Amino acid sequence: MTTRNSTSTDTANAPGAGAAPAKQVGRYGMLPRLAGNSYIPLGLFARVPLAMLTIGVLTLVTAVSTSYAIGGFAAGSVGVGAAIGSPLLGYLADRLGQKPVLIVAAVANALIVGAAVVLVYATEQFTPAATWAVLGTTFLAGLTSPQVGPLSRVRWMALSRKLPREQRGAVVDTALSLEGTADEVTFVLGPALVGLLASLVAPWLPLVLAAGMTLVLVTLFAIHPTQAAVGTRRAASSGNAGYVPEESVNWFKVAVPVAGMLCMGTFFGSSQTALTAFTGVHGSVDQAGLMYAAMGASSAIAALSVAYWPASFTHAWRWVLTAALMAAASAAFFLPGNLGAMIVVLLVVGVPVGPTMVTIFSVGSVIAPPQWMGTVMTALASGIVAGTALGSSIAGSLAQSAGYQVAFIVPAASAGALLLLGIVTAVVLRRARA
């Protein structure tokens, strides 16, 4: 296992310094004391390139090829690559440690994204062979995309194990709430940054910037002293003293939160696609991204509140409650007849979304043994990616054939499925405790 940098001034109190956070510090004030002052902003900005990748590829390929279909296929190949590569990178991080895996992924991803930009501009005519070459390159870009968000959650859970047992639950809830908010912020910031740079400068700039940010920020995240708090299965198997013995993982139990994240991704993809169709009728499709940001904003703010929910309100029943609220709020998608009313609906719908996502990650953290935490966390993130692609395709087909109101059935159904999975989780975890 990698050794901790004892000379780091940034983490004098961080990974495993042994001192518990001061009692007078608030919930979120505990986190910098545990991980170091630079860790939270670094973890936020290091995940921005991934949020820029899909929409950046879509923008570039569509602009150069003048084909929405080819652009859509290229963006879809990024999603497929990320869905496959995410749990693979998580498994390797569990096996080898986060530092080497993230550094290799950052370098490989930066080079591949740069190669994709060159290839797209070098393709004079998008023949079938040239198109497949572009799709293969964008698939590799998704496959190698560093999974900063899930692996950051793993670090928080590893750091929490350095604290007294009675403090761990509050710290994990707070950290996962912050991570959920960071995800929501980057989901909004990434596409907005792509749109701004592509429209003001050139379609290639967002991807070049994303490649540079990946190379620099993900590498800094990889070598941050917090990575030393995360053990490896290889270290455990070699008899490393002080590390938790390896436990088996019940993949059936893990499948439930992964399925929940698949439904969550389906909700995201379908609501965004249906909203695009809605704005096409009542305004302009260019307004869809800004309107979707309204849901992201209320979701991010609500996610922060989870840190203050009582410990007696268990993760399983949190899932049931927030998913029920999502299902009820999703019914309002069918009501608006203008953009203003839809913004109000999006703000309301977003309130239970952030807490639901935080809760599902929390359930994953409860189910997964420490040595499998990276694999499970990245599998949950992979579920979101795969679900987004699924929801977008289904809602897009319905919007094209039957209109936006029918397309809104998909996010409503996804929220209903989340509610059913929450009930299943409550039963499974109650039996596990029994």
Protein backbone atom coordinates (compact mmCIF):
# COMPACT_ATOMS: atom_id res chain seq x y z
CA MET A 1 0.00 0.00 0.00
CA THR A 2 1.28 3.48 -0.78
CA THR A 3 2.74 5.48 2.10
CA ARG A 4 1.37 8.77 3.34
CA ASN A 5 3.28 11.98 2.67
CA SER A 6 4.06 13.11 6.17
CA THR A 7 5.47 16.45 5.04
CA SER A 8 2.28 17.68 3.40
CA THR A 9 1.16 20.92 4.99
CA ASP A 10 -2.22 20.68 3.29
CA THR A 11 -3.21 17.61 5.23
CA ALA A 12 -1.78 18.14 8.66
CA ASN A 13 -5.13 17.02 10.00
CA ALA A 14 -5.99 14.88 7.01
CA PRO A 15 -6.03 11.26 6.04
CA GLY A 16 -5.41 9.56 9.21
CA ALA A 17 -3.84 12.35 11.23
CA GLY A 18 -5.69 10.70 14.09
CA ALA A 19 -7.36 13.80 15.48
CA ALA A 20 -11.12 13.95 15.28
CA PRO A 21 -12.68 17.14 13.93
CA ALA A 22 -13.37 19.74 16.59
CA LYS A 23 -16.86 19.53 18.06
CA GLN A 24 -17.62 23.21 17.51
CA VAL A 25 -17.08 22.89 13.76
CA GLY A 26 -20.22 22.40 11.67
CA ARG A 27 -20.99 19.33 9.59
CA TYR A 28 -19.34 20.64 6.43
CA GLY A 29 -16.55 22.27 8.41
CA MET A 30 -15.39 18.80 9.47
CA LEU A 31 -14.54 17.76 5.93
CA PRO A 32 -11.57 20.10 5.21
CA ARG A 33 -10.10 19.10 8.58
CA LEU A 34 -10.35 15.47 7.56
CA ALA A 35 -9.10 15.69 3.97
CA GLY A 36 -7.21 18.98 3.75
CA ASN A 37 -8.25 22.41 2.52
CA SER A 38 -7.42 21.79 -1.15
CA TYR A 39 -9.24 18.49 -1.52
CA ILE A 40 -12.83 19.70 -1.93
CA PRO A 41 -12.17 22.28 -4.71
CA LEU A 42 -9.75 19.87 -6.40
CA GLY A 43 -12.34 17.08 -6.36
CA LEU A 44 -14.94 19.46 -7.81
CA PHE A 45 -12.92 20.81 -10.73
CA ALA A 46 -11.23 17.50 -11.54
CA ARG A 47 -14.62 16.03 -12.54
CA VAL A 48 -15.56 18.94 -14.84
CA PRO A 49 -13.75 17.46 -17.91
CA LEU A 50 -15.91 14.33 -17.75
CA ALA A 51 -19.02 16.53 -17.67
CA MET A 52 -17.72 18.32 -20.78
CA LEU A 53 -16.81 15.19 -22.75
CA THR A 54 -20.14 13.92 -24.08
CA ILE A 55 -21.62 17.29 -25.03
CA GLY A 56 -18.22 18.40 -26.34
CA VAL A 57 -18.01 15.41 -28.67
CA LEU A 58 -21.61 15.96 -29.78
CA THR A 59 -20.92 19.63 -30.54
CA LEU A 60 -17.65 19.05 -32.41
CA VAL A 61 -18.72 16.08 -34.52
CA THR A 62 -22.06 17.64 -35.41
CA ALA A 63 -20.40 20.92 -36.42
CA VAL A 64 -17.74 19.30 -38.61
CA SER A 65 -19.84 16.51 -40.13
CA THR A 66 -23.01 18.66 -40.39
CA SER A 67 -24.89 15.53 -39.32
CA TYR A 68 -26.94 15.33 -36.14
CA ALA A 69 -27.02 11.55 -36.52
CA ILE A 70 -23.23 11.13 -36.61
CA GLY A 71 -22.85 13.60 -33.75
CA GLY A 72 -25.41 11.68 -31.72
CA PHE A 73 -23.74 8.36 -32.41
CA ALA A 74 -20.36 9.80 -31.38
CA ALA A 75 -21.79 11.13 -28.12
CA GLY A 76 -23.49 7.78 -27.54
CA SER A 77 -20.21 5.93 -28.04
CA VAL A 78 -18.67 8.09 -25.31
CA GLY A 79 -21.47 7.03 -22.98
CA VAL A 80 -21.11 3.35 -23.84
CA GLY A 81 -17.35 3.52 -23.30
CA ALA A 82 -17.78 5.25 -19.94
CA ALA A 83 -20.42 2.73 -18.82
CA ILE A 84 -18.00 -0.12 -19.55
CA GLY A 85 -14.81 1.57 -18.39
CA SER A 86 -16.13 3.02 -15.13
CA PRO A 87 -16.43 -0.25 -13.14
CA LEU A 88 -13.27 -1.55 -14.80
CA LEU A 89 -11.29 1.44 -13.52
CA GLY A 90 -12.94 1.00 -10.12
CA TYR A 91 -11.87 -2.65 -9.99
CA LEU A 92 -8.30 -1.73 -10.94
CA ALA A 93 -8.27 1.02 -8.29
CA ASP A 94 -9.38 -1.51 -5.68
CA ARG A 95 -6.71 -3.92 -6.86
CA LEU A 96 -3.75 -1.60 -7.48
CA GLY A 97 -4.61 1.63 -5.66
CA GLN A 98 -6.15 4.83 -6.95
CA LYS A 99 -2.93 6.73 -7.63
CA PRO A 100 -1.44 4.65 -10.50
CA VAL A 101 -4.82 3.91 -12.08
CA LEU A 102 -5.90 7.57 -12.14
CA ILE A 103 -2.57 8.79 -13.49
CA VAL A 104 -2.58 6.26 -16.34
CA ALA A 105 -6.23 7.02 -17.09
CA ALA A 106 -5.60 10.79 -17.08
CA VAL A 107 -2.69 10.55 -19.52
CA ALA A 108 -4.45 8.06 -21.80
CA ASN A 109 -7.70 10.02 -21.81
CA ALA A 110 -6.00 13.35 -22.59
CA LEU A 111 -4.13 11.79 -25.51
CA ILE A 112 -7.22 10.03 -26.88
CA VAL A 113 -9.44 13.13 -26.63
CA GLY A 114 -6.75 15.12 -28.43
CA ALA A 115 -6.53 12.42 -31.09
CA ALA A 116 -10.31 12.52 -31.52
CA VAL A 117 -10.19 16.27 -32.22
CA VAL A 118 -7.44 15.80 -34.81
CA LEU A 119 -9.23 12.86 -36.42
CA VAL A 120 -12.54 14.70 -36.74
CA TYR A 121 -10.92 17.70 -38.44
CA ALA A 122 -8.78 15.44 -40.63
CA THR A 123 -11.86 13.63 -41.93
CA GLU A 124 -12.88 15.45 -45.10
CA GLN A 125 -15.83 13.18 -45.84
CA PHE A 126 -17.57 11.12 -43.22
CA THR A 127 -17.63 7.86 -45.14
CA PRO A 128 -18.70 4.73 -43.23
CA ALA A 129 -15.05 3.83 -42.58
CA ALA A 130 -14.18 7.32 -41.37
CA THR A 131 -17.29 7.45 -39.20
CA TRP A 132 -16.42 4.14 -37.56
CA ALA A 133 -12.91 5.45 -36.86
CA VAL A 134 -14.36 8.49 -35.13
CA LEU A 135 -16.81 6.35 -33.15
CA GLY A 136 -14.01 4.02 -32.07
CA THR A 137 -11.91 6.93 -30.86
CA THR A 138 -14.76 8.51 -28.93
CA PHE A 139 -15.57 5.11 -27.42
CA LEU A 140 -11.98 4.92 -26.12
CA ALA A 141 -12.32 8.46 -24.78
CA GLY A 142 -15.29 7.33 -22.70
CA LEU A 143 -13.60 4.07 -21.72
CA THR A 144 -10.56 5.85 -20.25
CA SER A 145 -12.40 8.75 -18.62
CA PRO A 146 -11.15 9.06 -15.00
CA GLN A 147 -13.90 8.43 -12.46
CA VAL A 148 -13.11 11.19 -9.99
CA GLY A 149 -16.58 11.39 -8.41
CA PRO A 150 -16.99 7.71 -7.41
CA LEU A 151 -13.37 7.36 -6.29
CA SER A 152 -13.65 10.55 -4.24
CA ARG A 153 -16.57 8.95 -2.40
CA VAL A 154 -14.35 5.94 -1.70
CA ARG A 155 -11.74 8.24 -0.17
CA TRP A 156 -14.26 9.88 2.15
CA MET A 157 -15.43 6.50 3.40
CA ALA A 158 -11.84 5.38 3.96
CA LEU A 159 -11.06 8.60 5.83
CA SER A 160 -14.15 8.19 7.99
CA ARG A 161 -12.84 4.86 9.27
CA LYS A 162 -10.01 6.79 10.97
CA LEU A 163 -12.59 8.46 13.23
CA PRO A 164 -14.35 7.12 16.33
CA ARG A 165 -17.25 4.89 15.35
CA GLU A 166 -19.91 7.27 16.68
CA GLN A 167 -18.74 10.03 14.31
CA ARG A 168 -18.47 7.99 11.12
CA GLY A 169 -22.13 8.00 10.05
CA ALA A 170 -22.43 11.79 10.25
CA VAL A 171 -19.18 12.31 8.33
CA VAL A 172 -20.14 9.86 5.57
CA ASP A 173 -23.60 11.41 5.15
CA THR A 174 -22.06 14.89 5.00
CA ALA A 175 -19.36 13.88 2.53
CA LEU A 176 -21.78 12.05 0.23
CA SER A 177 -24.14 15.03 0.33
CA LEU A 178 -21.27 17.27 -0.74
CA GLU A 179 -20.29 14.83 -3.49
CA GLY A 180 -23.86 14.75 -4.80
CA THR A 181 -23.91 18.53 -4.95
CA ALA A 182 -20.54 18.54 -6.74
CA ASP A 183 -21.93 16.13 -9.34
CA GLU A 184 -24.98 18.30 -9.92
CA VAL A 185 -22.85 21.45 -10.22
CA THR A 186 -20.57 19.86 -12.81
CA PHE A 187 -23.56 18.42 -14.72
CA VAL A 188 -24.66 22.04 -15.20
CA LEU A 189 -21.24 23.70 -15.47
CA GLY A 190 -19.75 21.27 -18.02
CA PRO A 191 -22.36 21.65 -20.78
CA ALA A 192 -22.60 25.41 -20.17
CA LEU A 193 -18.83 25.76 -20.56
CA VAL A 194 -18.89 23.73 -23.77
CA GLY A 195 -21.66 25.85 -25.25
CA LEU A 196 -19.93 29.11 -24.32
CA LEU A 197 -16.50 28.17 -25.69
CA ALA A 198 -17.84 26.51 -28.84
CA SER A 199 -20.03 29.47 -29.74
CA LEU A 200 -17.49 32.19 -28.91
CA VAL A 201 -14.30 30.53 -30.21
CA ALA A 202 -14.48 27.17 -31.98
CA PRO A 203 -16.00 23.69 -31.50
CA TRP A 204 -12.58 22.13 -30.87
CA LEU A 205 -11.72 24.32 -27.88
CA PRO A 206 -13.93 22.63 -25.24
CA LEU A 207 -12.40 19.21 -25.90
CA VAL A 208 -8.84 20.54 -25.96
CA LEU A 209 -9.51 22.35 -22.68
CA ALA A 210 -11.07 19.18 -21.22
CA ALA A 211 -7.99 17.17 -22.20
CA GLY A 212 -5.68 19.70 -20.55
CA MET A 213 -7.80 19.83 -17.39
CA THR A 214 -7.83 16.05 -17.21
CA LEU A 215 -4.07 15.84 -17.51
CA VAL A 216 -3.43 18.45 -14.81
CA LEU A 217 -6.34 18.25 -12.36
CA VAL A 218 -6.89 14.49 -12.36
CA THR A 219 -3.15 13.94 -11.86
CA LEU A 220 -3.21 16.33 -8.89
CA PHE A 221 -6.25 14.47 -7.55
CA ALA A 222 -4.43 11.15 -8.02
CA ILE A 223 -1.39 12.22 -5.99
CA HIS A 224 -3.31 14.07 -3.27
CA PRO A 225 -2.37 12.61 0.14
CA THR A 226 -5.94 11.36 0.68
CA GLN A 227 -5.26 8.53 -1.78
CA ALA A 228 -3.05 6.90 0.86
CA ALA A 229 -6.07 6.31 3.10
CA VAL A 230 -7.57 3.88 0.58
CA GLY A 231 -6.23 0.36 0.89
CA THR A 232 -6.06 -2.29 -1.83
CA ARG A 233 -7.13 -5.92 -1.98
CA ARG A 234 -3.58 -6.75 -3.01
CA ALA A 235 -2.29 -5.17 0.20
CA ALA A 236 -4.84 -7.08 2.24
CA SER A 237 -3.95 -10.38 0.61
CA SER A 238 -0.24 -9.83 1.35
CA GLY A 239 -0.97 -9.54 5.03
CA ASN A 240 -0.61 -5.78 5.39
CA ALA A 241 -1.09 -5.06 9.04
CA GLY A 242 -3.81 -2.63 10.00
CA TYR A 243 -5.98 -3.11 6.94
CA VAL A 244 -9.46 -4.58 7.05
CA PRO A 245 -9.49 -8.27 6.10
CA GLU A 246 -11.07 -8.94 2.74
CA GLU A 247 -14.78 -9.66 2.74
CA SER A 248 -16.90 -11.24 0.05
CA VAL A 249 -19.44 -9.07 -1.73
CA ASN A 250 -23.06 -10.01 -2.32
CA TRP A 251 -23.54 -8.93 -5.92
CA PHE A 252 -27.29 -9.51 -5.72
CA LYS A 253 -27.51 -6.81 -3.06
CA VAL A 254 -25.22 -4.53 -5.06
CA ALA A 255 -27.44 -5.01 -8.12
CA VAL A 256 -30.31 -3.21 -6.37
CA PRO A 257 -28.60 0.21 -5.98
CA VAL A 258 -27.00 -0.22 -9.42
CA ALA A 259 -30.50 -0.75 -10.84
CA GLY A 260 -31.54 2.34 -8.89
CA MET A 261 -28.83 4.38 -10.57
CA LEU A 262 -29.89 2.95 -13.94
CA CYS A 263 -33.38 4.31 -13.24
CA MET A 264 -31.89 7.60 -12.07
CA GLY A 265 -29.91 7.92 -15.29
CA THR A 266 -33.01 7.03 -17.31
CA PHE A 267 -34.84 9.80 -15.46
CA PHE A 268 -32.08 12.30 -16.32
CA GLY A 269 -31.77 11.34 -19.98
CA SER A 270 -35.49 11.12 -20.68
CA SER A 271 -36.42 14.33 -18.88
CA GLN A 272 -33.70 16.26 -20.71
CA THR A 273 -34.78 14.86 -24.08
CA ALA A 274 -38.49 15.43 -23.41
CA LEU A 275 -37.68 18.94 -22.21
CA THR A 276 -35.81 19.61 -25.46
CA ALA A 277 -38.93 18.58 -27.39
CA PHE A 278 -41.06 20.79 -25.11
CA THR A 279 -38.89 23.86 -25.71
CA GLY A 280 -38.96 23.14 -29.44
CA VAL A 281 -42.74 23.60 -29.34
CA HIS A 282 -43.02 26.47 -26.86
CA GLY A 283 -39.77 28.31 -27.53
CA SER A 284 -36.42 27.24 -28.97
CA VAL A 285 -34.49 24.00 -28.47
CA ASP A 286 -31.47 26.13 -27.52
CA GLN A 287 -33.26 26.99 -24.27
CA ALA A 288 -33.47 23.39 -23.07
CA GLY A 289 -30.04 23.32 -21.44
CA LEU A 290 -30.64 26.47 -19.42
CA MET A 291 -34.06 25.27 -18.31
CA TYR A 292 -32.68 21.86 -17.34
CA ALA A 293 -30.17 23.70 -15.16
CA ALA A 294 -33.09 24.81 -12.97
CA MET A 295 -33.67 21.22 -11.91
CA GLY A 296 -29.95 20.78 -11.34
CA ALA A 297 -29.83 23.87 -9.12
CA SER A 298 -32.64 22.80 -6.77
CA SER A 299 -31.28 19.25 -6.76
CA ALA A 300 -27.79 20.42 -5.74
CA ILE A 301 -29.12 22.58 -2.90
CA ALA A 302 -31.40 19.82 -1.61
CA ALA A 303 -28.53 17.30 -1.69
CA LEU A 304 -26.66 19.39 0.89
CA SER A 305 -29.54 18.97 3.35
CA VAL A 306 -29.04 15.20 3.62
CA ALA A 307 -26.11 15.79 5.99
CA TYR A 308 -28.57 17.09 8.59
CA TRP A 309 -31.14 14.29 8.34
CA PRO A 310 -31.39 12.26 11.56
CA ALA A 311 -29.46 8.99 11.75
CA SER A 312 -32.66 7.24 12.84
CA PHE A 313 -34.06 7.94 9.37
CA THR A 314 -32.40 4.95 7.70
CA HIS A 315 -31.00 4.97 4.18
CA ALA A 316 -33.59 2.52 2.88
CA TRP A 317 -36.56 4.58 4.05
CA ARG A 318 -34.89 7.76 2.82
CA TRP A 319 -34.82 6.11 -0.60
CA VAL A 320 -38.51 5.21 -0.34
CA LEU A 321 -39.53 8.73 0.70
CA THR A 322 -37.43 10.68 -1.81
CA ALA A 323 -38.37 8.35 -4.68
CA ALA A 324 -42.04 8.72 -3.78
CA LEU A 325 -41.64 12.49 -3.89
CA MET A 326 -39.89 12.18 -7.27
CA ALA A 327 -42.75 10.07 -8.63
CA ALA A 328 -45.36 12.52 -7.36
CA ALA A 329 -43.48 15.59 -8.63
CA SER A 330 -42.88 13.97 -12.05
CA ALA A 331 -46.62 13.99 -12.67
CA ALA A 332 -46.35 17.78 -12.91
CA PHE A 333 -44.33 17.42 -16.14
CA PHE A 334 -47.61 16.99 -18.02
CA LEU A 335 -49.12 20.29 -16.80
CA PRO A 336 -47.12 23.27 -18.16
CA GLY A 337 -48.09 24.95 -21.41
CA ASN A 338 -45.34 27.60 -21.44
CA LEU A 339 -41.67 27.99 -20.50
CA GLY A 340 -42.28 29.91 -17.27
CA ALA A 341 -44.56 27.24 -15.84
CA MET A 342 -42.09 24.51 -16.81
CA ILE A 343 -39.26 26.27 -14.94
CA VAL A 344 -41.38 26.19 -11.77
CA VAL A 345 -42.06 22.48 -12.30
CA LEU A 346 -38.36 21.76 -12.85
CA LEU A 347 -37.44 23.55 -9.63
CA VAL A 348 -39.97 21.45 -7.71
CA VAL A 349 -38.99 18.16 -9.36
CA GLY A 350 -35.31 18.78 -8.62
CA VAL A 351 -35.82 18.95 -4.83
CA PRO A 352 -36.07 15.16 -4.24
CA VAL A 353 -33.61 14.25 -7.03
CA GLY A 354 -30.38 15.23 -5.23
CA PRO A 355 -31.28 13.49 -1.94
CA THR A 356 -32.30 10.35 -3.85
CA MET A 357 -28.96 10.15 -5.62
CA VAL A 358 -27.04 10.77 -2.38
CA THR A 359 -29.11 8.08 -0.65
CA ILE A 360 -28.45 5.45 -3.31
CA PHE A 361 -24.71 6.07 -3.06
CA SER A 362 -25.07 5.73 0.73
CA VAL A 363 -26.83 2.39 0.32
CA GLY A 364 -23.97 1.25 -1.92
CA SER A 365 -21.47 2.27 0.77
CA VAL A 366 -23.34 0.19 3.35
CA ILE A 367 -23.55 -2.90 1.15
CA ALA A 368 -19.99 -2.90 -0.26
CA PRO A 369 -17.02 -4.21 1.75
CA PRO A 370 -14.10 -1.72 1.94
CA GLN A 371 -11.94 -3.67 -0.52
CA TRP A 372 -14.68 -3.57 -3.15
CA MET A 373 -15.76 0.03 -2.55
CA GLY A 374 -14.17 1.45 -5.72
CA THR A 375 -15.76 -1.22 -7.89
CA VAL A 376 -19.21 -0.67 -6.38
CA MET A 377 -19.06 3.14 -6.46
CA THR A 378 -17.96 3.17 -10.10
CA ALA A 379 -20.61 0.58 -10.96
CA LEU A 380 -23.22 2.95 -9.53
CA ALA A 381 -21.83 5.79 -11.65
CA SER A 382 -21.86 3.47 -14.66
CA GLY A 383 -25.56 2.85 -14.05
CA ILE A 384 -26.24 6.59 -14.36
CA VAL A 385 -24.35 6.79 -17.66
CA ALA A 386 -26.07 3.75 -19.17
CA GLY A 387 -29.47 4.91 -17.94
CA THR A 388 -29.00 8.38 -19.41
CA ALA A 389 -28.34 6.89 -22.84
CA LEU A 390 -31.33 4.56 -22.47
CA GLY A 391 -33.68 7.31 -21.32
CA SER A 392 -32.58 9.68 -24.06
CA SER A 393 -33.18 7.11 -26.79
CA ILE A 394 -36.61 6.02 -25.53
CA ALA A 395 -37.87 9.54 -24.87
CA GLY A 396 -36.44 10.76 -28.18
CA SER A 397 -38.32 8.09 -30.10
CA LEU A 398 -41.56 8.89 -28.28
CA ALA A 399 -41.15 12.63 -28.76
CA GLN A 400 -40.54 12.15 -32.48
CA SER A 401 -43.53 9.86 -32.99
CA ALA A 402 -46.09 11.09 -30.43
CA GLY A 403 -44.97 14.43 -29.00
CA TYR A 404 -43.30 15.72 -25.86
CA GLN A 405 -46.19 14.89 -23.51
CA VAL A 406 -45.87 11.18 -24.26
CA ALA A 407 -42.07 11.46 -23.85
CA PHE A 408 -42.58 12.73 -20.30
CA ILE A 409 -44.05 9.31 -19.44
CA VAL A 410 -40.48 7.96 -19.36
CA PRO A 411 -39.15 10.08 -16.44
CA ALA A 412 -42.40 9.50 -14.55
CA ALA A 413 -42.07 5.74 -15.04
CA SER A 414 -38.39 5.88 -14.03
CA ALA A 415 -39.29 7.60 -10.76
CA GLY A 416 -41.95 4.94 -10.14
CA ALA A 417 -39.37 2.21 -10.70
CA LEU A 418 -37.05 3.97 -8.23
CA LEU A 419 -39.81 3.84 -5.64
CA LEU A 420 -40.26 0.09 -6.12
CA LEU A 421 -36.51 -0.48 -5.84
CA GLY A 422 -36.47 1.60 -2.65
CA ILE A 423 -39.07 -0.72 -1.13
CA VAL A 424 -36.98 -3.72 -2.19
CA THR A 425 -33.92 -2.12 -0.56
CA ALA A 426 -35.82 -1.58 2.69
CA VAL A 427 -36.73 -5.28 2.77
CA VAL A 428 -33.21 -6.46 1.85
CA LEU A 429 -31.43 -4.30 4.42
CA ARG A 430 -33.93 -5.19 7.15
CA ARG A 431 -33.31 -8.89 6.50
CA ALA A 432 -29.54 -8.26 6.50
CA ARG A 433 -29.76 -6.59 9.90
CA ALA A 434 -31.91 -9.43 11.18
